[in-house]
Protein backbone atom coordinates (compact mmCIF):
# COMPACT_ATOMS: atom_id res chain seq x y z
CA GLY A 1 -116.58 -176.12 -8.69
CA PRO A 2 -114.25 -173.91 -10.37
CA PHE A 3 -113.95 -173.98 -13.94
CA LEU A 4 -111.62 -172.10 -16.95
CA LEU A 5 -113.06 -171.18 -20.22
CA GLU A 6 -110.55 -170.70 -22.69
CA MET A 7 -111.51 -168.76 -26.31
CA LYS A 8 -108.82 -168.28 -28.96
CA THR A 9 -109.83 -165.90 -31.28
CA TYR A 10 -108.73 -164.12 -34.48
CA ARG A 11 -108.41 -160.91 -35.93
CA TYR A 12 -108.83 -161.03 -39.49
CA ARG A 13 -108.31 -156.95 -39.86
CA GLY A 14 -105.26 -154.92 -38.40
CA HIS A 15 -105.36 -153.64 -35.53
CA SER A 16 -106.91 -150.52 -36.63
CA MET A 17 -108.39 -148.53 -39.48
CA SER A 18 -105.30 -147.20 -40.42
CA ASP A 19 -103.28 -150.99 -40.05
CA PRO A 20 -103.13 -152.81 -43.46
CA ALA A 21 -102.50 -156.11 -41.63
CA LYS A 22 -99.39 -157.36 -43.66
CA TYR A 23 -97.90 -159.01 -41.49
CA ARG A 24 -99.84 -162.17 -42.31
CA SER A 25 -100.44 -163.68 -45.73
CA LYS A 26 -103.61 -163.71 -47.27
CA GLU A 27 -103.48 -167.58 -47.03
CA GLU A 28 -103.11 -167.29 -42.92
CA VAL A 29 -106.15 -165.30 -43.17
CA GLU A 30 -108.20 -167.68 -45.42
CA GLN A 31 -107.32 -170.61 -43.29
CA TYR A 32 -108.60 -169.06 -39.91
CA LYS A 33 -111.40 -168.49 -41.98
CA SER A 34 -112.30 -171.39 -42.83
CA GLN A 35 -112.44 -172.07 -38.94
CA ASP A 36 -115.11 -169.06 -37.75
CA PRO A 37 -117.34 -170.26 -35.18
CA ILE A 38 -119.76 -168.29 -36.15
CA ASP A 39 -120.35 -169.81 -40.20
CA GLN A 40 -119.12 -173.21 -38.79
CA VAL A 41 -122.57 -172.61 -36.61
CA LYS A 42 -124.59 -171.38 -38.70
CA ASP A 43 -123.90 -173.93 -41.06
CA VAL A 44 -124.98 -176.70 -38.79
CA ILE A 45 -128.11 -174.01 -37.73
CA LEU A 46 -129.45 -174.41 -41.51
CA THR A 47 -128.29 -178.08 -42.04
CA LYS A 48 -130.10 -179.01 -39.22
CA LYS A 49 -133.20 -176.96 -40.39
CA TYR A 50 -133.47 -174.91 -36.81
CA ALA A 51 -133.43 -171.85 -38.71
CA THR A 52 -134.01 -169.99 -42.48
CA GLU A 53 -131.22 -168.32 -44.47
CA ALA A 54 -134.23 -165.50 -43.73
CA GLU A 55 -134.79 -166.23 -40.19
CA LEU A 56 -130.94 -165.88 -39.41
CA GLU A 57 -130.91 -162.32 -41.38
CA ALA A 58 -133.33 -161.08 -39.87
CA ILE A 59 -131.92 -161.25 -36.38
CA ASP A 60 -128.86 -160.12 -38.00
CA GLU A 61 -130.95 -157.03 -39.24
CA LYS A 62 -132.68 -156.79 -35.52
CA VAL A 63 -128.94 -156.79 -34.27
CA LYS A 64 -127.98 -154.40 -36.48
CA ASN A 65 -130.71 -152.17 -35.57
CA ILE A 66 -130.59 -152.30 -31.97
CA VAL A 67 -126.30 -151.30 -32.26
CA GLN A 68 -127.18 -148.64 -34.59
CA GLU A 69 -129.92 -147.14 -31.86
CA SER A 70 -127.17 -147.32 -28.97
CA VAL A 71 -124.74 -145.85 -30.99
CA ASP A 72 -127.26 -143.04 -31.71
CA PHE A 73 -128.23 -142.65 -28.26
CA ALA A 74 -124.70 -142.46 -27.22
CA GLU A 75 -123.35 -140.09 -29.49
CA ASN A 76 -126.71 -138.00 -29.15
CA SER A 77 -126.41 -137.77 -25.37
CA PRO A 78 -125.11 -134.83 -23.11
CA TYR A 79 -121.62 -135.11 -21.64
CA PRO A 80 -122.27 -135.68 -17.67
CA ASP A 81 -121.95 -133.07 -15.63
CA VAL A 82 -118.26 -132.57 -14.74
CA SER A 83 -119.19 -133.01 -11.01
């Protein structure tokens, strides 16, 4: 049947490059960083030896390359025909 997933997120930075995010304390940001689910999963992966740090770094590098290739493709593609 139907179900609902609630995903609570937290931005560590401001809304944009020009937003200094002075509306939150450093303590608040650090508290949320300590609860970061990505870091928690990474710790489990390393602790249970599902992957090594080098393997995770290789995955990160591969993802960065895919994203950069996508950005390059988008920036170098012509605009669509106005029709």
